[in-house]
C-alpha atoms as a PDB file:
ATOM      1  CA  UNK A   1     -40.145  -4.878  18.279  1.00  0.00           C
ATOM      2  CA  UNK A   2     -39.427  -8.220  16.991  1.00  0.00           C
ATOM      3  CA  UNK A   3     -36.257  -7.569  15.415  1.00  0.00           C
ATOM      4  CA  UNK A   4     -34.139  -4.277  15.168  1.00  0.00           C
ATOM      5  CA  UNK A   5     -31.974  -4.036  11.961  1.00  0.00           C
ATOM      6  CA  UNK A   6     -29.424  -1.459  11.646  1.00  0.00           C
ATOM      7  CA  UNK A   7     -27.240  -0.743   8.811  1.00  0.00           C
ATOM      8  CA  UNK A   8     -23.564   1.012   7.701  1.00  0.00           C
ATOM      9  CA  UNK A   9     -21.578  -1.268   9.516  1.00  0.00           C
ATOM     10  CA  UNK A  10     -19.988  -3.736   6.964  1.00  0.00           C
ATOM     11  CA  UNK A  11     -19.401  -6.531   8.986  1.00  0.00           C
ATOM     12  CA  UNK A  12     -22.472  -8.874   9.899  1.00  0.00           C
ATOM     13  CA  UNK A  13     -22.890  -9.141  13.599  1.00  0.00           C
ATOM     14  CA  UNK A  14     -25.936 -10.266  15.677  1.00  0.00           C
ATOM     15  CA  UNK A  15     -26.874 -10.309  19.534  1.00  0.00           C
ATOM     16  CA  UNK A  16     -29.859 -10.356  21.723  1.00  0.00           C
ATOM     17  CA  UNK A  17     -31.249  -7.640  23.803  1.00  0.00           C
ATOM     18  CA  UNK A  18     -34.177  -8.838  26.144  1.00  0.00           C
ATOM     19  CA  UNK A  19     -34.866 -11.211  23.874  1.00  0.00           C
ATOM     20  CA  UNK A  20     -35.007  -9.131  20.654  1.00  0.00           C
ATOM     21  CA  UNK A  21     -32.395  -9.830  18.074  1.00  0.00           C
ATOM     22  CA  UNK A  22     -30.703  -6.941  16.949  1.00  0.00           C
ATOM     23  CA  UNK A  23     -28.385  -7.166  13.683  1.00  0.00           C
ATOM     24  CA  UNK A  24     -26.264  -5.548  11.199  1.00  0.00           C
ATOM     25  CA  UNK A  25     -26.821  -7.454   7.970  1.00  0.00           C
ATOM     26  CA  UNK A  26     -23.326  -6.563   6.929  1.00  0.00           C
ATOM     27  CA  UNK A  27     -22.652  -5.273   3.211  1.00  0.00           C
ATOM     28  CA  UNK A  28     -23.264  -7.593   0.204  1.00  0.00           C
ATOM     29  CA  UNK A  29     -19.684  -7.055  -1.365  1.00  0.00           C
ATOM     30  CA  UNK A  30     -16.358  -5.897  -0.177  1.00  0.00           C
ATOM     31  CA  UNK A  31     -15.480  -2.503  -0.071  1.00  0.00           C
ATOM     32  CA  UNK A  32     -11.790  -2.078   1.404  1.00  0.00           C
ATOM     33  CA  UNK A  33      -8.760  -4.034   0.841  1.00  0.00           C
ATOM     34  CA  UNK A  34      -8.505  -6.250   4.381  1.00  0.00           C
ATOM     35  CA  UNK A  35     -11.982  -7.350   4.887  1.00  0.00           C
ATOM     36  CA  UNK A  36     -11.784 -10.882   5.068  1.00  0.00           C
ATOM     37  CA  UNK A  37     -15.493 -11.648   6.701  1.00  0.00           C
ATOM     38  CA  UNK A  38     -18.426 -13.446   4.920  1.00  0.00           C
ATOM     39  CA  UNK A  39     -20.537 -10.991   2.962  1.00  0.00           C
ATOM     40  CA  UNK A  40     -24.242 -11.326   2.272  1.00  0.00           C
ATOM     41  CA  UNK A  41     -27.441 -10.326   3.229  1.00  0.00           C
ATOM     42  CA  UNK A  42     -30.196 -11.116   5.888  1.00  0.00           C
ATOM     43  CA  UNK A  43     -33.834 -12.506   5.256  1.00  0.00           C
ATOM     44  CA  UNK A  44     -36.561 -11.769   7.750  1.00  0.00           C
ATOM     45  CA  UNK A  45     -39.744 -13.752   7.997  1.00  0.00           C
ATOM     46  CA  UNK A  46     -42.580 -13.219  10.155  1.00  0.00           C
ATOM     47  CA  UNK A  47     -44.958 -15.762  11.259  1.00  0.00           C
ATOM     48  CA  UNK A  48     -47.289 -16.914  14.172  1.00  0.00           C
ATOM     49  CA  UNK A  49     -44.008 -17.688  15.910  1.00  0.00           C
ATOM     50  CA  UNK A  50     -42.340 -14.157  15.772  1.00  0.00           C
ATOM     51  CA  UNK A  51     -39.756 -13.148  13.716  1.00  0.00           C
ATOM     52  CA  UNK A  52     -37.071 -15.591  12.548  1.00  0.00           C
ATOM     53  CA  UNK A  53     -34.047 -14.666  10.317  1.00  0.00           C
ATOM     54  CA  UNK A  54     -31.011 -15.918   8.168  1.00  0.00           C
ATOM     55  CA  UNK A  55     -27.947 -14.776   7.041  1.00  0.00           C
ATOM     56  CA  UNK A  56     -27.421 -15.515   3.491  1.00  0.00           C
ATOM     57  CA  UNK A  57     -23.868 -15.929   2.310  1.00  0.00           C
ATOM     58  CA  UNK A  58     -22.804 -14.488  -1.144  1.00  0.00           C
ATOM     59  CA  UNK A  59     -19.779 -15.098  -3.243  1.00  0.00           C
ATOM     60  CA  UNK A  60     -17.822 -11.578  -2.629  1.00  0.00           C
ATOM     61  CA  UNK A  61     -14.812 -10.880  -4.732  1.00  0.00           C
ATOM     62  CA  UNK A  62     -11.734 -10.999  -2.273  1.00  0.00           C
ATOM     63  CA  UNK A  63      -9.938  -7.734  -2.021  1.00  0.00           C
ATOM     64  CA  UNK A  64      -6.302  -8.780  -0.379  1.00  0.00           C
ATOM     65  CA  UNK A  65      -3.794  -6.317   0.840  1.00  0.00           C
ATOM     66  CA  UNK A  66      -0.053  -6.851   0.692  1.00  0.00           C
ATOM     67  CA  UNK A  67       2.409  -4.709   2.637  1.00  0.00           C
ATOM     68  CA  UNK A  68       6.632  -4.495   1.969  1.00  0.00           C
ATOM     69  CA  UNK A  69       9.319  -2.478   2.313  1.00  0.00           C
ATOM     70  CA  UNK A  70      11.886  -2.473  -0.805  1.00  0.00           C
ATOM     71  CA  UNK A  71      15.346  -2.807   0.754  1.00  0.00           C
ATOM     72  CA  UNK A  72      17.307  -2.132  -2.251  1.00  0.00           C
ATOM     73  CA  UNK A  73      17.890  -5.870  -3.315  1.00  0.00           C
ATOM     74  CA  UNK A  74      14.191  -7.354  -2.473  1.00  0.00           C
ATOM     75  CA  UNK A  75      11.303  -7.059  -0.272  1.00  0.00           C
ATOM     76  CA  UNK A  76      11.044  -7.431   3.455  1.00  0.00           C
ATOM     77  CA  UNK A  77       7.325  -8.398   3.719  1.00  0.00           C
ATOM     78  CA  UNK A  78       5.377  -7.513   7.175  1.00  0.00           C
ATOM     79  CA  UNK A  79       3.760 -10.101   9.069  1.00  0.00           C
ATOM     80  CA  UNK A  80       1.105 -10.200   6.584  1.00  0.00           C
ATOM     81  CA  UNK A  81       1.275 -13.014   4.024  1.00  0.00           C
ATOM     82  CA  UNK A  82       3.186 -12.609   1.248  1.00  0.00           C
ATOM     83  CA  UNK A  83       1.220 -12.769  -2.254  1.00  0.00           C
ATOM     84  CA  UNK A  84       0.888 -16.199  -2.913  1.00  0.00           C
ATOM     85  CA  UNK A  85      -0.386 -17.086  -6.358  1.00  0.00           C
ATOM     86  CA  UNK A  86      -2.901 -19.815  -5.124  1.00  0.00           C
ATOM     87  CA  UNK A  87      -4.601 -17.177  -2.982  1.00  0.00           C
ATOM     88  CA  UNK A  88      -5.318 -14.620  -5.829  1.00  0.00           C
ATOM     89  CA  UNK A  89      -7.672 -16.228  -8.178  1.00  0.00           C
ATOM     90  CA  UNK A  90     -10.289 -13.871  -9.009  1.00  0.00           C
ATOM     91  CA  UNK A  91      -8.947 -11.188  -5.995  1.00  0.00           C
ATOM     92  CA  UNK A  92      -8.449  -7.630  -6.228  1.00  0.00           C
ATOM     93  CA  UNK A  93      -5.129  -6.970  -4.724  1.00  0.00           C
ATOM     94  CA  UNK A  94      -3.331  -4.385  -3.847  1.00  0.00           C
ATOM     95  CA  UNK A  95       0.854  -4.005  -2.908  1.00  0.00           C
ATOM     96  CA  UNK A  96       1.655  -1.181  -0.670  1.00  0.00           C
ATOM     97  CA  UNK A  97       5.472  -0.775  -0.554  1.00  0.00           C
ATOM     98  CA  UNK A  98       7.764   1.617   0.961  1.00  0.00           C
ATOM     99  CA  UNK A  99      10.866   2.597  -0.187  1.00  0.00           C
ATOM    100  CA  UNK A 100      13.287   5.489  -0.117  1.00  0.00           C
ATOM    101  CA  UNK A 101      13.365   8.327  -3.200  1.00  0.00           C
ATOM    102  CA  UNK A 102      16.272   7.150  -4.276  1.00  0.00           C
ATOM    103  CA  UNK A 103      14.878   3.402  -4.542  1.00  0.00           C
ATOM    104  CA  UNK A 104      11.885   4.600  -6.135  1.00  0.00           C
ATOM    105  CA  UNK A 105      12.277   3.421  -9.618  1.00  0.00           C
ATOM    106  CA  UNK A 106      14.126  -0.044  -8.756  1.00  0.00           C
ATOM    107  CA  UNK A 107      11.214  -0.844  -6.229  1.00  0.00           C
ATOM    108  CA  UNK A 108       8.347  -0.017  -8.673  1.00  0.00           C
ATOM    109  CA  UNK A 109      10.267  -2.039 -11.233  1.00  0.00           C
ATOM    110  CA  UNK A 110       9.843  -4.707  -8.865  1.00  0.00           C
ATOM    111  CA  UNK A 111       6.618  -4.233  -7.720  1.00  0.00           C
ATOM    112  CA  UNK A 112       5.158  -4.100 -11.756  1.00  0.00           C
ATOM    113  CA  UNK A 113       7.235  -7.574 -12.128  1.00  0.00           C
ATOM    114  CA  UNK A 114       5.113  -9.060  -8.908  1.00  0.00           C
ATOM    115  CA  UNK A 115       1.988  -7.245 -10.366  1.00  0.00           C
ATOM    116  CA  UNK A 116       2.184  -8.811 -13.687  1.00  0.00           C
ATOM    117  CA  UNK A 117       2.924 -12.462 -11.477  1.00  0.00           C
ATOM    118  CA  UNK A 118      -0.233 -11.929  -9.936  1.00  0.00           C
ATOM    119  CA  UNK A 119      -2.025 -11.031 -12.762  1.00  0.00           C
ATOM    120  CA  UNK A 120      -0.866 -14.146 -14.614  1.00  0.00           C
ATOM    121  CA  UNK A 121      -1.963 -16.428 -11.396  1.00  0.00           C
ATOM    122  CA  UNK A 122      -5.909 -14.901 -11.883  1.00  0.00           C
ATOM    123  CA  UNK A 123      -5.757 -11.655 -10.026  1.00  0.00           C
ATOM    124  CA  UNK A 124      -8.605  -9.437 -11.220  1.00  0.00           C
ATOM    125  CA  UNK A 125      -6.731  -6.171 -10.710  1.00  0.00           C
ATOM    126  CA  UNK A 126      -3.518  -5.497  -8.577  1.00  0.00           C
ATOM    127  CA  UNK A 127      -3.073  -2.021  -7.770  1.00  0.00           C
ATOM    128  CA  UNK A 128       0.321  -0.712  -6.630  1.00  0.00           C
ATOM    129  CA  UNK A 129       0.622   1.992  -3.894  1.00  0.00           C
ATOM    130  CA  UNK A 130       4.206   3.279  -3.579  1.00  0.00           C
ATOM    131  CA  UNK A 131       4.919   4.968  -0.338  1.00  0.00           C
ATOM    132  CA  UNK A 132       7.959   6.931  -0.792  1.00  0.00           C
ATOM    133  CA  UNK A 133      10.270   8.123   2.315  1.00  0.00           C
ATOM    134  CA  UNK A 134      11.596  11.667   2.094  1.00  0.00           C
ATOM    135  CA  UNK A 135      15.061  11.803   2.675  1.00  0.00           C
ATOM    136  CA  UNK A 136      16.353  14.322   5.288  1.00  0.00           C
ATOM    137  CA  UNK A 137      20.014  15.278   4.617  1.00  0.00           C
ATOM    138  CA  UNK A 138      21.832  16.553   7.667  1.00  0.00           C
ATOM    139  CA  UNK A 139      24.603  19.224   6.831  1.00  0.00           C
ATOM    140  CA  UNK A 140      27.573  17.929   6.309  1.00  0.00           C
ATOM    141  CA  UNK A 141      30.728  19.780   8.074  1.00  0.00           C
ATOM    142  CA  UNK A 142      32.734  19.459   4.875  1.00  0.00           C
ATOM    143  CA  UNK A 143      30.399  21.464   2.824  1.00  0.00           C
ATOM    144  CA  UNK A 144      30.452  24.361   5.417  1.00  0.00           C
ATOM    145  CA  UNK A 145      34.370  24.186   5.388  1.00  0.00           C
ATOM    146  CA  UNK A 146      34.336  24.404   1.706  1.00  0.00           C
ATOM    147  CA  UNK A 147      35.429  27.856   0.035  1.00  0.00           C
ATOM    148  CA  UNK A 148      34.100  27.286  -3.388  1.00  0.00           C
ATOM    149  CA  UNK A 149      30.743  26.182  -4.802  1.00  0.00           C
ATOM    150  CA  UNK A 150      32.869  23.465  -6.761  1.00  0.00           C
ATOM    151  CA  UNK A 151      34.341  22.321  -3.304  1.00  0.00           C
ATOM    152  CA  UNK A 152      30.906  22.622  -1.928  1.00  0.00           C
ATOM    153  CA  UNK A 153      29.390  20.518  -4.394  1.00  0.00           C
ATOM    154  CA  UNK A 154      32.285  17.829  -4.288  1.00  0.00           C
ATOM    155  CA  UNK A 155      31.679  17.784  -0.518  1.00  0.00           C
ATOM    156  CA  UNK A 156      27.943  17.147  -0.922  1.00  0.00           C
ATOM    157  CA  UNK A 157      28.730  14.379  -3.854  1.00  0.00           C
ATOM    158  CA  UNK A 158      31.151  12.701  -1.557  1.00  0.00           C
ATOM    159  CA  UNK A 159      28.654  12.427   1.415  1.00  0.00           C
ATOM    160  CA  UNK A 160      26.084  10.957  -0.928  1.00  0.00           C
ATOM    161  CA  UNK A 161      28.587   8.561  -2.522  1.00  0.00           C
ATOM    162  CA  UNK A 162      27.912   9.961  -5.750  1.00  0.00           C
ATOM    163  CA  UNK A 163      30.463   9.518  -8.210  1.00  0.00           C
ATOM    164  CA  UNK A 164      30.708  12.361 -10.821  1.00  0.00           C
ATOM    165  CA  UNK A 165      34.160  11.851 -12.094  1.00  0.00           C
ATOM    166  CA  UNK A 166      32.883  10.779 -15.830  1.00  0.00           C
ATOM    167  CA  UNK A 167      31.328  14.186 -16.105  1.00  0.00           C
ATOM    168  CA  UNK A 168      33.260  16.526 -13.856  1.00  0.00           C
ATOM    169  CA  UNK A 169      34.899  18.644 -16.618  1.00  0.00           C
ATOM    170  CA  UNK A 170      31.379  19.632 -18.054  1.00  0.00           C
ATOM    171  CA  UNK A 171      29.928  20.080 -14.378  1.00  0.00           C
ATOM    172  CA  UNK A 172      33.054  22.244 -13.115  1.00  0.00           C
ATOM    173  CA  UNK A 173      32.033  24.352 -16.536  1.00  0.00           C
ATOM    174  CA  UNK A 174      28.494  24.724 -15.658  1.00  0.00           C
ATOM    175  CA  UNK A 175      29.440  25.877 -12.036  1.00  0.00           C
ATOM    176  CA  UNK A 176      31.722  28.354 -13.616  1.00  0.00           C
ATOM    177  CA  UNK A 177      29.057  29.619 -15.972  1.00  0.00           C
ATOM    178  CA  UNK A 178      26.934  30.053 -12.769  1.00  0.00           C
ATOM    179  CA  UNK A 179      29.602  31.765 -11.042  1.00  0.00           C
ATOM    180  CA  UNK A 180      29.840  34.221 -13.819  1.00  0.00           C
ATOM    181  CA  UNK A 181      26.323  35.191 -13.709  1.00  0.00           C
ATOM    182  CA  UNK A 182      26.421  36.080 -10.078  1.00  0.00           C
END
């Protein structure tokens, strides 16, 4: 054969085997965040000299993936570049961030601020993807040692650093109602 052209791999690649060119044309557009290679198509022409081919690059929308972790006061960003406004014009962006369940709302609000800045800088779209870490609560010995439901709740709130003093009377009344139902 003069040339072997195979498909399905998005990255344009080529090599020869026994003098025959083998190539993947690649995809003409980006289909996943993180595809940074040039996109295009291959033109093959046959003549008396055999088959000659060339890769034609096309302008493809850039897809940028940013990753970060919300630490309660700001972003810890991975080694990947932090969203710089000069890089996003015309790009599709995804910001994948992790946070604890307790920090979910604050992280979301700050991620939305970042999204708005990137859109204002010219990003075509900015997708936010929260990865919420589930919290596993270890058994607190004070909870096991407490005798009443109210004391058990007090030990739990103390272990979590939750201040319920402003609504303690209302909560105590609700616990009493629950105990009456039992």
